[in-house]
Amino acid sequence: MSRFKNHLRSLRGHVGRPSRGRVAGGAAAAVAALGFGYFAALEFNTPYLANLAIDASSSVLSPGGLSQVMEIIGEVGKAATFAGVLALQFTVYVAIWSLVPAAPGTRVGGRVRDAVSRIAVAAGIFVAIAGFFALAADTPPLTGWEWGELALLALVEATAFVGFALALNLALPPLLQGARPRPVPAPPNNEIDEVVALDATGVVSRRQFMRVAWVMGAGTASIAAAWYLGRSVAATARTGVLRAMDGTWSEDVTPTEDFYVVSKNIAGFDPDVSLPGWRLIVDGLVDEELVLTLDDLQTMPVTTGFNTLMCISYRVGGELIGNAGWTGVALRDVLQRAGVDPEAAYLKFTSADDYTESLPLEAAMDEDARLVWLMNDEPLTRKHGFPLRALVPGRYGMKNPKWITRLTLEPEESEGYWAARGWSRSAFIQTMSRFDVPGRNTRIAAGLSALRGVAFAGERGISRVEVSVDSGESWTDAEVRPPLSDLSWVRWEHDFQAEPPRQTVVVRATDGTGRRQIEEARDPLPEGATGYHRRPVRIQEQPEPSAGDEA
């Protein structure tokens, strides 16, 4: 006991304000280690702390609380959580290195024990935080193997941090303190060993040179890691469309590269499925469990058609909607091949990223519900669900899972990933209409001007689109172009006389059942956004022709 007390007194004697060199070295090492950990998690497909944090935060917030957060941070919620977790890890690393004093003494054994203890503390803290997030998240629990992977990643990342920080701690403080090696006499016989340069200020030793080189290299690595992480956070924030289409009339078919993207995962962690090893399992209340390859699916009757997909997070006038051509097989053909038990009432989808969704069996057996592998005549891209995704008519995108690996027939409904977080269980599409032209904050010339846009109501179709150029006081029918299919959006157009200085244009649609779009403005959570799209338009007077123009 006395020996332990003496050790504590010795440590207290070393506690003080950390040096600039130690803090700078710890910060640089933390950034480099975080970049390394993110890269390793991507390469080896291991559980990642930021993903667990996102699942947990979206699980513990009430629907009302989640709605308020979404109002504040919009579609960058995942990016904000990602950045917050990185900041937390950075703070823990720097604190462990800078505020906890080094063990006294200079023996190698003591330094090794000190390094090992810091590694263990850092890894233990992050595994504990991961455990907290995992318990809070309303997702399938991590397996023992996944916990092992997570712990190993934390251990390797912490080891990289401590190793990097130790090396910097040896090189950086002397440089920051302006230390210079003492002048040394020239070596005999003009043999240069320790001296590599000589100037008016004295002699720079090889050791000094190596310190400078190491610090420069470490700084470069830290800057590269910061850029890498910053780019990943920014990529996570780019949920939705990759290129804003506002001001351009949407085409009948949305190019794949412009099609909106929404995922529960942070950048880089969407499943990267290897086709040779991929299988679709059909199980549950079936006569025969199936294990199918993509080739097996492609031997069944194949259909191609156009479907519009729309995210339940779509806001009035937003861009989380697109129309594409899809090729695949009817979902009911796959289920009938397995044999549907009379007790089955729901179909549960499971994806490669553990995303789950549930659908009434009646909807799954709809002739237009499909499993698809081609998008616009090309194989699905990774971000759009390669190798297989679902298309369910009349339902928001949350009911159209990507990266599907399993179909399970069940007697009762399973709570899907987003339903467990307060979103709609049914996710029926609300009728929408939108202005594409003119774009936001644009100025148009007085006189005849064009209004262009799209409208969509799921499988109900669109029977009418009306526009108002006086803020909803009066309405005029727009011309509606025929859709590519019964499940596609329609493109509409209308020309009007623009009168300075400004007008507010409004659009509304009526679905194929004769039901008009809901006028009341409501947020997307939980049932999808409603309300008319209104757009103020600034109108500029036409310049008077000059005498030269008249001539």
Protein backbone atom coordinates (compact mmCIF):
# COMPACT_ATOMS: atom_id res chain seq x y z
CA MET A 1 0.00 0.00 0.00
CA SER A 2 2.79 2.41 0.87
CA ARG A 3 4.44 1.69 -2.44
CA PHE A 4 1.21 2.57 -4.24
CA LYS A 5 0.87 5.82 -2.27
CA ASN A 6 4.43 6.76 -3.13
CA HIS A 7 3.65 6.16 -6.79
CA LEU A 8 0.60 8.44 -6.56
CA ARG A 9 2.64 11.18 -4.90
CA SER A 10 5.20 10.88 -7.66
CA LEU A 11 2.47 11.19 -10.28
CA ARG A 12 1.04 14.27 -8.55
CA GLY A 13 4.41 15.86 -8.79
CA HIS A 14 4.28 15.46 -12.53
CA VAL A 15 0.78 16.90 -12.91
CA GLY A 16 0.74 20.39 -14.27
CA ARG A 17 -0.16 22.38 -17.26
CA PRO A 18 0.64 20.22 -20.31
CA SER A 19 3.31 21.57 -22.59
CA ARG A 20 2.47 22.97 -26.00
CA GLY A 21 4.44 20.20 -27.61
CA ARG A 22 2.52 17.48 -25.78
CA VAL A 23 -0.86 19.01 -26.62
CA ALA A 24 0.10 19.58 -30.26
CA GLY A 25 1.47 16.06 -30.56
CA GLY A 26 -1.65 14.58 -28.99
CA ALA A 27 -3.94 16.55 -31.30
CA ALA A 28 -2.02 15.58 -34.43
CA ALA A 29 -1.90 11.94 -33.34
CA ALA A 30 -5.64 11.95 -32.58
CA VAL A 31 -6.55 13.21 -36.05
CA ALA A 32 -4.27 10.67 -37.74
CA ALA A 33 -5.63 7.81 -35.61
CA LEU A 34 -9.25 8.77 -36.32
CA GLY A 35 -8.56 8.81 -40.05
CA PHE A 36 -6.88 5.42 -39.77
CA GLY A 37 -9.80 4.00 -37.75
CA TYR A 38 -12.39 5.24 -40.25
CA PHE A 39 -10.40 3.78 -43.14
CA ALA A 40 -9.97 0.43 -41.34
CA ALA A 41 -13.69 0.21 -40.50
CA LEU A 42 -14.54 0.79 -44.17
CA GLU A 43 -11.98 -1.67 -45.50
CA PHE A 44 -12.85 -4.48 -43.10
CA ASN A 45 -16.58 -3.74 -42.82
CA THR A 46 -16.62 -3.59 -39.03
CA PRO A 47 -19.14 -1.87 -36.72
CA TYR A 48 -18.33 1.82 -36.42
CA LEU A 49 -18.98 4.12 -33.48
CA ALA A 50 -20.60 6.91 -35.54
CA ASN A 51 -23.07 4.50 -37.14
CA LEU A 52 -24.06 3.22 -33.69
CA ALA A 53 -24.49 6.81 -32.51
CA ILE A 54 -26.79 7.64 -35.43
CA ASP A 55 -28.94 4.57 -34.77
CA ALA A 56 -29.09 5.40 -31.07
CA SER A 57 -29.92 9.09 -31.46
CA SER A 58 -32.72 8.40 -33.91
CA SER A 59 -34.06 5.69 -31.59
CA VAL A 60 -34.15 7.59 -28.31
CA LEU A 61 -35.66 10.79 -29.69
CA SER A 62 -39.44 10.86 -29.63
CA PRO A 63 -41.14 11.52 -32.98
CA GLY A 64 -41.77 15.09 -31.85
CA GLY A 65 -38.19 15.52 -30.72
CA LEU A 66 -36.87 14.01 -33.93
CA SER A 67 -39.09 16.37 -35.93
CA GLN A 68 -37.71 19.38 -34.05
CA VAL A 69 -34.14 18.24 -34.63
CA MET A 70 -34.85 17.74 -38.31
CA GLU A 71 -36.29 21.25 -38.49
CA ILE A 72 -33.04 22.61 -37.07
CA ILE A 73 -30.45 20.57 -38.95
CA GLY A 74 -32.45 19.39 -41.94
CA GLU A 75 -30.88 16.61 -43.97
CA VAL A 76 -27.41 16.96 -42.43
CA GLY A 77 -28.38 15.18 -39.21
CA LYS A 78 -26.20 12.17 -39.92
CA ALA A 79 -23.27 14.40 -40.80
CA ALA A 80 -23.70 16.40 -37.58
CA THR A 81 -23.76 13.19 -35.54
CA PHE A 82 -20.73 11.85 -37.42
CA ALA A 83 -18.80 15.06 -36.76
CA GLY A 84 -19.90 15.06 -33.12
CA VAL A 85 -18.64 11.53 -32.55
CA LEU A 86 -15.32 12.41 -34.18
CA ALA A 87 -15.07 15.46 -31.91
CA LEU A 88 -15.82 13.30 -28.87
CA GLN A 89 -13.13 10.78 -29.83
CA PHE A 90 -10.66 13.58 -30.54
CA THR A 91 -11.30 15.12 -27.12
CA VAL A 92 -10.88 11.79 -25.32
CA TYR A 93 -7.60 11.08 -27.10
CA VAL A 94 -6.13 14.51 -26.41
CA ALA A 95 -7.24 14.35 -22.78
CA ILE A 96 -5.74 10.92 -22.26
CA TRP A 97 -2.46 12.08 -23.74
CA SER A 98 -2.18 15.65 -22.49
CA LEU A 99 -3.91 15.71 -19.11
CA VAL A 100 -2.92 12.32 -17.72
CA PRO A 101 0.74 12.62 -16.64
CA ALA A 102 3.34 10.24 -17.95
CA ALA A 103 4.64 7.64 -15.54
CA PRO A 104 7.81 8.87 -13.79
CA GLY A 105 11.13 7.46 -14.80
CA THR A 106 12.80 6.81 -18.09
CA ARG A 107 13.11 3.05 -18.08
CA VAL A 108 11.85 1.27 -21.14
CA GLY A 109 9.63 -0.99 -19.07
CA GLY A 110 7.94 1.99 -17.45
CA ARG A 111 7.32 3.66 -20.79
CA VAL A 112 5.87 0.47 -22.23
CA ARG A 113 3.52 0.06 -19.25
CA ASP A 114 2.50 3.71 -19.57
CA ALA A 115 1.75 3.31 -23.29
CA VAL A 116 -0.17 0.08 -22.76
CA SER A 117 -2.27 1.66 -20.00
CA ARG A 118 -3.20 4.59 -22.25
CA ILE A 119 -4.12 2.23 -25.07
CA ALA A 120 -6.28 0.17 -22.75
CA VAL A 121 -8.02 3.22 -21.28
CA ALA A 122 -8.79 4.75 -24.71
CA ALA A 123 -10.02 1.48 -26.19
CA GLY A 124 -12.06 0.73 -23.07
CA ILE A 125 -13.75 4.14 -23.14
CA PHE A 126 -14.75 3.78 -26.78
CA VAL A 127 -16.03 0.22 -26.38
CA ALA A 128 -18.09 1.39 -23.39
CA ILE A 129 -19.51 4.29 -25.42
CA ALA A 130 -20.28 1.89 -28.27
CA GLY A 131 -22.05 -0.40 -25.81
CA PHE A 132 -24.18 2.49 -24.61
CA PHE A 133 -25.13 3.43 -28.18
CA ALA A 134 -25.82 -0.19 -29.11
CA LEU A 135 -28.14 -0.67 -26.13
CA ALA A 136 -29.99 2.58 -26.91
CA ALA A 137 -30.44 1.82 -30.61
CA ASP A 138 -33.62 0.12 -31.75
CA THR A 139 -31.77 -2.20 -34.11
CA PRO A 140 -30.80 -5.88 -34.05
CA PRO A 141 -28.15 -6.37 -31.31
CA LEU A 142 -24.54 -6.81 -32.31
CA THR A 143 -23.35 -10.40 -32.45
CA GLY A 144 -20.42 -11.62 -30.40
CA TRP A 145 -18.29 -11.58 -33.52
CA GLU A 146 -19.26 -7.97 -34.25
CA TRP A 147 -18.41 -6.97 -30.68
CA GLY A 148 -15.02 -8.59 -31.16
CA GLU A 149 -14.47 -6.66 -34.37
CA LEU A 150 -15.48 -3.41 -32.70
CA ALA A 151 -13.17 -4.00 -29.73
CA LEU A 152 -10.28 -4.93 -32.02
CA LEU A 153 -10.81 -1.79 -34.11
CA ALA A 154 -10.83 0.35 -30.95
CA LEU A 155 -7.64 -1.35 -29.75
CA VAL A 156 -5.84 -0.93 -33.08
CA GLU A 157 -6.90 2.70 -33.41
CA ALA A 158 -5.81 3.48 -29.83
CA THR A 159 -2.47 1.76 -30.46
CA ALA A 160 -1.94 3.85 -33.58
CA PHE A 161 -2.75 6.97 -31.59
CA VAL A 162 -0.37 6.25 -28.72
CA GLY A 163 2.43 5.17 -31.04
CA PHE A 164 2.04 8.28 -33.16
CA ALA A 165 1.83 10.53 -30.09
CA LEU A 166 4.93 8.98 -28.51
CA ALA A 167 6.96 9.56 -31.62
CA LEU A 168 5.77 13.16 -31.88
CA ASN A 169 6.42 13.72 -28.19
CA LEU A 170 10.08 12.96 -28.76
CA ALA A 171 10.41 15.24 -31.77
CA LEU A 172 8.03 18.15 -31.34
CA PRO A 173 8.74 19.79 -27.95
CA PRO A 174 12.38 20.68 -28.65
CA LEU A 175 11.36 22.31 -31.92
CA LEU A 176 8.52 24.29 -30.31
CA GLN A 177 10.82 25.42 -27.51
CA GLY A 178 13.35 26.71 -30.00
CA ALA A 179 15.94 24.25 -28.83
CA ARG A 180 19.09 23.93 -30.86
CA PRO A 181 21.84 21.40 -30.48
CA ARG A 182 25.07 22.70 -29.05
CA PRO A 183 27.85 23.49 -31.49
CA VAL A 184 30.15 20.57 -31.95
CA PRO A 185 33.68 20.62 -33.28
CA ALA A 186 34.28 19.53 -36.80
CA PRO A 187 35.03 15.83 -37.00
CA PRO A 188 38.59 14.80 -37.69
CA ASN A 189 39.80 14.03 -41.18
CA ASN A 190 36.82 15.96 -42.61
CA GLU A 191 34.58 12.96 -42.02
CA ILE A 192 31.06 14.17 -41.52
CA ASP A 193 29.06 11.93 -39.25
CA GLU A 194 26.68 13.78 -36.95
CA VAL A 195 26.94 17.11 -38.74
CA VAL A 196 24.77 17.54 -41.80
CA ALA A 197 24.65 21.33 -42.15
CA LEU A 198 26.38 24.43 -40.88
CA ASP A 199 25.16 28.01 -40.94
CA ALA A 200 25.60 31.27 -39.09
CA THR A 201 23.48 30.14 -36.14
CA GLY A 202 25.40 26.98 -35.44
CA VAL A 203 25.41 23.35 -36.34
CA VAL A 204 22.28 21.30 -37.11
CA SER A 205 22.71 17.70 -36.10
CA ARG A 206 21.37 14.72 -37.94
CA ARG A 207 19.06 14.14 -34.99
CA GLN A 208 17.67 17.65 -35.34
CA PHE A 209 17.18 17.11 -39.05
CA MET A 210 15.34 13.84 -38.43
CA ARG A 211 13.08 15.59 -35.92
CA VAL A 212 12.13 18.20 -38.46
CA ALA A 213 11.53 15.58 -41.13
CA TRP A 214 9.40 13.47 -38.80
CA VAL A 215 7.29 16.42 -37.67
CA MET A 216 6.75 17.51 -41.26
CA GLY A 217 5.74 13.99 -42.25
CA ALA A 218 3.45 13.65 -39.24
CA GLY A 219 1.89 17.02 -39.98
CA THR A 220 1.24 15.97 -43.55
CA ALA A 221 -0.37 12.71 -42.36
CA SER A 222 -2.58 14.57 -39.90
CA ILE A 223 -3.65 17.10 -42.52
CA ALA A 224 -4.43 14.28 -44.95
CA ALA A 225 -6.47 12.48 -42.27
CA ALA A 226 -8.36 15.68 -41.45
CA TRP A 227 -9.12 16.20 -45.14
CA TYR A 228 -10.23 12.58 -45.48
CA LEU A 229 -12.56 12.78 -42.48
CA GLY A 230 -13.87 16.20 -43.48
CA ARG A 231 -14.63 14.96 -46.96
CA SER A 232 -16.48 11.96 -45.49
CA VAL A 233 -18.56 14.18 -43.20
CA ALA A 234 -19.38 16.43 -46.17
CA ALA A 235 -20.34 13.40 -48.27
CA THR A 236 -22.65 12.25 -45.47
CA ALA A 237 -24.30 15.67 -45.50
CA ARG A 238 -25.07 15.35 -49.20
CA THR A 239 -28.14 13.23 -48.59
CA GLY A 240 -30.68 13.66 -51.34
CA VAL A 241 -29.79 14.75 -54.84
CA LEU A 242 -26.21 14.89 -56.01
CA ARG A 243 -26.98 17.79 -58.33
CA ALA A 244 -29.72 20.32 -57.66
CA MET A 245 -32.19 20.39 -60.54
CA ASP A 246 -34.09 23.52 -59.46
CA GLY A 247 -34.76 25.77 -62.43
CA THR A 248 -34.71 22.85 -64.88
CA TRP A 249 -37.85 21.02 -65.96
CA SER A 250 -37.51 17.40 -64.83
CA GLU A 251 -37.11 14.88 -67.62
CA ASP A 252 -39.45 11.94 -68.06
CA VAL A 253 -36.64 9.71 -66.86
CA THR A 254 -34.24 10.87 -64.17
CA PRO A 255 -30.63 9.99 -65.05
CA THR A 256 -29.18 7.56 -62.53
CA GLU A 257 -26.42 9.96 -61.55
CA ASP A 258 -29.05 12.61 -60.69
CA PHE A 259 -31.44 10.28 -58.86
CA TYR A 260 -31.86 11.11 -55.17
CA VAL A 261 -30.06 8.99 -52.57
CA VAL A 262 -31.13 8.43 -48.96
CA SER A 263 -29.51 5.96 -46.58
CA LYS A 264 -29.41 5.40 -42.83
CA ASN A 265 -25.64 4.96 -43.08
CA ILE A 266 -22.84 7.50 -43.01
CA ALA A 267 -20.67 8.00 -46.08
CA GLY A 268 -18.82 4.92 -47.18
CA PHE A 269 -20.74 2.47 -44.99
CA ASP A 270 -23.46 1.53 -47.45
CA PRO A 271 -23.10 -2.20 -48.15
CA ASP A 272 -20.55 -3.12 -50.79
CA VAL A 273 -22.08 -6.45 -51.78
CA SER A 274 -20.03 -9.04 -53.63
CA LEU A 275 -22.28 -10.70 -56.19
CA PRO A 276 -20.57 -14.13 -56.14
CA GLY A 277 -21.26 -14.45 -52.43
CA TRP A 278 -24.68 -12.82 -52.40
CA ARG A 279 -27.80 -14.91 -51.85
CA LEU A 280 -31.48 -14.08 -51.38
CA ILE A 281 -33.04 -16.20 -48.64
CA VAL A 282 -36.80 -16.70 -48.59
CA ASP A 283 -37.94 -18.17 -45.28
CA GLY A 284 -40.50 -17.97 -42.52
CA LEU A 285 -44.02 -19.22 -43.17
CA VAL A 286 -43.21 -20.88 -46.49
CA ASP A 287 -43.57 -24.42 -47.79
CA GLU A 288 -39.94 -24.54 -48.86
CA GLU A 289 -37.08 -22.25 -47.81
CA LEU A 290 -35.28 -20.85 -50.85
CA VAL A 291 -31.70 -19.70 -51.30
CA LEU A 292 -31.52 -17.87 -54.63
CA THR A 293 -28.73 -16.33 -56.66
CA LEU A 294 -29.25 -13.42 -59.04
CA ASP A 295 -29.03 -15.92 -61.90
CA ASP A 296 -31.89 -17.88 -60.34
CA LEU A 297 -34.05 -14.75 -60.25
CA GLN A 298 -33.21 -13.89 -63.83
CA THR A 299 -34.55 -17.27 -65.04
CA MET A 300 -38.02 -16.23 -63.84
CA PRO A 301 -40.38 -14.04 -65.94
CA VAL A 302 -38.72 -10.62 -66.18
CA THR A 303 -40.58 -7.31 -66.47
CA THR A 304 -39.41 -3.78 -67.26
CA GLY A 305 -41.32 -0.62 -66.43
CA PHE A 306 -41.12 2.93 -65.15
CA ASN A 307 -41.67 3.76 -61.49
CA THR A 308 -41.34 6.98 -59.56
CA LEU A 309 -39.69 6.75 -56.16
CA MET A 310 -40.29 9.38 -53.49
CA CYS A 311 -38.72 9.64 -50.04
CA ILE A 312 -41.00 10.13 -47.04
CA SER A 313 -38.61 12.93 -46.01
CA TYR A 314 -39.61 14.88 -49.13
CA ARG A 315 -40.58 18.43 -48.29
CA VAL A 316 -43.04 20.44 -50.37
CA GLY A 317 -41.12 21.73 -53.37
CA GLY A 318 -38.13 19.48 -52.56
CA GLU A 319 -36.08 17.15 -54.72
CA LEU A 320 -36.26 13.73 -53.01
CA ILE A 321 -38.19 12.23 -55.92
CA GLY A 322 -37.21 10.71 -59.25
CA ASN A 323 -38.48 8.51 -62.06
CA ALA A 324 -36.51 5.65 -63.61
CA GLY A 325 -36.87 2.51 -65.67
CA TRP A 326 -36.51 -0.70 -63.64
CA THR A 327 -36.05 -4.33 -64.63
CA GLY A 328 -36.74 -7.28 -62.36
CA VAL A 329 -39.14 -9.98 -61.32
CA ALA A 330 -42.55 -9.83 -59.67
CA LEU A 331 -42.21 -10.20 -55.91
CA ARG A 332 -45.24 -12.48 -55.79
CA ASP A 333 -43.55 -14.91 -58.24
CA VAL A 334 -40.68 -15.34 -55.80
CA LEU A 335 -43.01 -15.83 -52.84
CA GLN A 336 -45.23 -18.27 -54.73
CA ARG A 337 -42.15 -20.26 -55.71
CA ALA A 338 -41.45 -20.74 -52.00
CA GLY A 339 -45.10 -21.46 -51.24
CA VAL A 340 -47.02 -19.08 -48.97
CA ASP A 341 -48.37 -20.54 -45.75
CA PRO A 342 -52.02 -19.58 -45.03
CA GLU A 343 -50.89 -18.15 -41.66
CA ALA A 344 -48.60 -15.62 -43.35
CA ALA A 345 -49.88 -12.02 -43.17
CA TYR A 346 -46.75 -9.86 -43.52
CA LEU A 347 -43.49 -9.87 -45.45
CA LYS A 348 -40.35 -8.71 -43.68
CA PHE A 349 -37.40 -7.42 -45.71
CA THR A 350 -33.87 -7.62 -44.31
CA SER A 351 -30.99 -5.81 -45.98
CA ALA A 352 -27.22 -6.22 -45.93
CA ASP A 353 -26.90 -3.21 -43.58
CA ASP A 354 -29.44 -4.71 -41.12
CA TYR A 355 -32.17 -2.38 -42.35
CA THR A 356 -35.58 -4.00 -41.91
CA GLU A 357 -39.02 -3.18 -43.24
CA SER A 358 -42.41 -4.89 -43.11
CA LEU A 359 -45.19 -4.96 -45.67
CA PRO A 360 -48.70 -6.45 -45.61
CA LEU A 361 -48.75 -9.62 -47.67
CA GLU A 362 -51.51 -8.19 -49.84
CA ALA A 363 -49.22 -5.34 -50.90
CA ALA A 364 -46.34 -7.74 -51.50
CA MET A 365 -48.54 -9.85 -53.79
CA ASP A 366 -49.53 -6.80 -55.89
CA GLU A 367 -48.73 -7.46 -59.54
CA ASP A 368 -46.63 -4.28 -59.68
CA ALA A 369 -44.50 -5.05 -56.60
CA ARG A 370 -41.09 -6.14 -57.87
CA LEU A 371 -37.55 -7.10 -57.01
CA VAL A 372 -35.28 -5.29 -59.47
CA TRP A 373 -31.62 -5.46 -60.46
CA LEU A 374 -31.47 -2.98 -63.37
CA MET A 375 -32.01 0.78 -63.17
CA ASN A 376 -32.24 2.66 -66.48
CA ASP A 377 -30.98 -0.46 -68.26
CA GLU A 378 -27.83 -0.69 -66.13
CA PRO A 379 -27.07 -2.81 -63.05
CA LEU A 380 -28.03 -1.07 -59.83
CA THR A 381 -25.22 1.06 -58.48
CA ARG A 382 -23.99 0.51 -54.95
CA LYS A 383 -25.81 3.55 -53.59
CA HIS A 384 -29.07 2.47 -55.25
CA GLY A 385 -29.04 -1.03 -53.74
CA PHE A 386 -26.86 -3.40 -55.77
CA PRO A 387 -27.56 -6.19 -56.38
CA LEU A 388 -31.28 -6.20 -55.52
CA ARG A 389 -33.88 -3.76 -54.25
CA ALA A 390 -37.67 -3.70 -53.90
CA LEU A 391 -40.23 -1.54 -55.68
CA VAL A 392 -43.61 -1.36 -53.95
CA PRO A 393 -46.24 0.77 -55.73
CA GLY A 394 -47.92 3.58 -53.82
CA ARG A 395 -45.48 3.56 -50.90
CA TYR A 396 -42.69 5.94 -49.94
CA GLY A 397 -39.08 4.93 -50.43
CA MET A 398 -38.72 3.57 -46.89
CA LYS A 399 -40.91 0.65 -48.01
CA ASN A 400 -38.64 -0.02 -51.00
CA PRO A 401 -35.53 -1.49 -49.32
CA LYS A 402 -32.11 -1.68 -50.95
CA TRP A 403 -29.39 -4.39 -50.67
CA ILE A 404 -32.03 -7.05 -49.89
CA THR A 405 -30.70 -10.35 -48.51
CA ARG A 406 -33.76 -11.97 -46.92
CA LEU A 407 -37.55 -12.18 -47.34
CA THR A 408 -39.38 -13.59 -44.32
CA LEU A 409 -43.10 -14.36 -44.24
CA GLU A 410 -44.54 -13.73 -40.78
CA PRO A 411 -47.93 -13.94 -39.04
CA GLU A 412 -47.61 -10.44 -37.54
CA GLU A 413 -46.07 -7.14 -38.56
CA SER A 414 -42.44 -6.51 -37.62
CA GLU A 415 -41.58 -2.95 -36.76
CA GLY A 416 -39.34 -1.56 -39.50
CA TYR A 417 -36.24 0.58 -38.99
CA TRP A 418 -37.96 3.92 -39.60
CA ALA A 419 -41.32 2.92 -38.11
CA ALA A 420 -39.46 2.23 -34.86
CA ARG A 421 -38.30 5.84 -35.00
CA GLY A 422 -41.74 7.36 -35.27
CA TRP A 423 -42.33 7.31 -39.03
CA SER A 424 -45.42 5.91 -40.70
CA ARG A 425 -46.08 2.17 -40.64
CA SER A 426 -48.06 2.27 -43.89
CA ALA A 427 -46.10 5.02 -45.70
CA PHE A 428 -48.69 5.68 -48.39
CA ILE A 429 -47.61 8.42 -50.80
CA GLN A 430 -49.29 11.81 -50.39
CA THR A 431 -50.30 13.58 -53.60
CA MET A 432 -47.64 16.15 -54.55
CA SER A 433 -47.08 18.80 -57.18
CA ARG A 434 -44.06 21.01 -57.65
CA PHE A 435 -42.66 23.91 -59.64
CA ASP A 436 -39.43 23.21 -61.49
CA VAL A 437 -39.53 26.39 -63.58
CA PRO A 438 -39.02 29.15 -62.64
CA GLY A 439 -36.36 28.20 -60.12
CA ARG A 440 -35.91 29.56 -56.62
CA ASN A 441 -34.87 33.19 -56.29
CA THR A 442 -34.90 33.79 -60.03
CA ARG A 443 -36.02 36.92 -61.84
CA ILE A 444 -38.08 36.64 -65.02
CA ALA A 445 -39.00 39.17 -67.68
CA ALA A 446 -42.48 40.66 -67.84
CA GLY A 447 -44.75 39.19 -70.48
CA LEU A 448 -45.51 35.64 -71.50
CA SER A 449 -43.61 33.28 -69.21
CA ALA A 450 -43.54 29.54 -68.55
CA LEU A 451 -44.47 27.50 -65.48
CA ARG A 452 -43.24 23.90 -65.55
CA GLY A 453 -43.17 21.08 -63.03
CA VAL A 454 -44.12 17.54 -62.02
CA ALA A 455 -46.93 15.91 -60.01
CA PHE A 456 -47.25 12.45 -58.48
CA ALA A 457 -49.76 10.45 -56.43
CA GLY A 458 -48.33 6.94 -56.41
CA GLU A 459 -50.46 4.24 -57.98
CA ARG A 460 -53.51 6.55 -57.89
CA GLY A 461 -52.15 8.58 -60.80
CA ILE A 462 -52.79 12.25 -61.59
CA SER A 463 -55.98 13.40 -63.31
CA ARG A 464 -55.56 17.18 -63.08
CA VAL A 465 -53.02 19.90 -62.28
CA GLU A 466 -54.07 23.49 -61.58
CA VAL A 467 -51.97 26.62 -61.18
CA SER A 468 -52.66 30.02 -59.69
CA VAL A 469 -50.72 33.16 -60.51
CA ASP A 470 -52.43 35.32 -57.89
CA SER A 471 -51.48 33.49 -54.67
CA GLY A 472 -54.42 31.08 -54.86
CA GLU A 473 -57.24 33.54 -55.55
CA SER A 474 -58.08 31.91 -58.89
CA TRP A 475 -57.04 28.68 -60.62
CA THR A 476 -56.36 27.57 -64.19
CA ASP A 477 -55.82 24.08 -65.55
CA ALA A 478 -52.29 23.28 -66.64
CA GLU A 479 -51.52 20.99 -69.56
CA VAL A 480 -50.60 17.54 -68.24
CA ARG A 481 -48.39 15.34 -70.39
CA PRO A 482 -49.07 11.58 -70.43
CA PRO A 483 -46.93 9.63 -67.94
CA LEU A 484 -44.57 6.87 -69.01
CA SER A 485 -46.57 4.41 -66.90
CA ASP A 486 -49.35 4.26 -64.34
CA LEU A 487 -46.66 4.40 -61.64
CA SER A 488 -44.75 7.40 -63.03
CA TRP A 489 -44.98 11.09 -62.31
CA VAL A 490 -46.57 13.45 -64.83
CA ARG A 491 -44.95 16.54 -66.26
CA TRP A 492 -47.15 19.61 -66.52
CA GLU A 493 -46.80 23.07 -68.10
CA HIS A 494 -48.62 26.38 -68.23
CA ASP A 495 -47.84 29.80 -69.76
CA PHE A 496 -48.94 33.00 -68.04
CA GLN A 497 -48.60 36.75 -68.33
CA ALA A 498 -45.99 37.86 -65.84
CA GLU A 499 -46.74 41.31 -64.40
CA PRO A 500 -44.15 43.35 -62.45
CA PRO A 501 -43.00 43.65 -59.78
CA ARG A 502 -43.83 40.22 -58.32
CA GLN A 503 -46.41 37.46 -58.26
CA THR A 504 -46.86 34.35 -56.12
CA VAL A 505 -47.58 31.24 -58.13
CA VAL A 506 -49.19 28.16 -56.57
CA VAL A 507 -49.79 24.64 -57.88
CA ARG A 508 -52.09 21.82 -56.80
CA ALA A 509 -52.95 18.39 -58.21
CA THR A 510 -55.88 15.99 -58.17
CA ASP A 511 -55.24 12.25 -58.11
CA GLY A 512 -56.87 9.62 -60.30
CA THR A 513 -59.63 8.97 -57.75
CA GLY A 514 -60.73 12.62 -57.92
CA ARG A 515 -59.25 13.55 -54.55
CA ARG A 516 -57.48 16.91 -54.48
CA GLN A 517 -54.06 17.36 -52.94
CA ILE A 518 -54.16 18.30 -49.24
CA GLU A 519 -53.76 22.06 -48.84
CA GLU A 520 -52.77 22.07 -45.17
CA ALA A 521 -49.02 22.34 -44.73
CA ARG A 522 -47.64 19.47 -42.65
CA ASP A 523 -44.09 18.30 -42.00
CA PRO A 524 -42.83 14.99 -43.42
CA LEU A 525 -42.83 13.24 -40.03
CA PRO A 526 -44.68 10.95 -39.63
CA GLU A 527 -46.94 10.45 -42.70
CA GLY A 528 -45.20 12.49 -45.39
CA ALA A 529 -45.39 16.21 -46.19
CA THR A 530 -48.55 17.89 -47.43
CA GLY A 531 -49.40 21.36 -48.68
CA TYR A 532 -49.42 23.37 -51.90
CA HIS A 533 -46.13 24.46 -53.41
CA ARG A 534 -45.97 28.26 -53.47
CA ARG A 535 -43.23 30.24 -55.17
CA PRO A 536 -42.76 34.03 -55.15
CA VAL A 537 -41.60 35.24 -58.56
CA ARG A 538 -39.78 38.53 -59.12
CA ILE A 539 -40.69 40.07 -62.44
CA GLN A 540 -38.62 42.65 -64.27
CA GLU A 541 -39.99 45.28 -66.65
CA GLN A 542 -39.08 44.82 -70.29
CA PRO A 543 -36.64 47.60 -71.30
CA GLU A 544 -38.08 50.21 -73.67
CA PRO A 545 -36.66 49.78 -77.20
CA SER A 546 -34.18 52.49 -78.19
CA ALA A 547 -34.37 54.48 -81.41
CA GLY A 548 -31.60 52.36 -82.84
CA ASP A 549 -33.55 49.20 -82.05
CA GLU A 550 -36.63 50.56 -83.79
CA ALA A 551 -34.61 51.40 -86.85
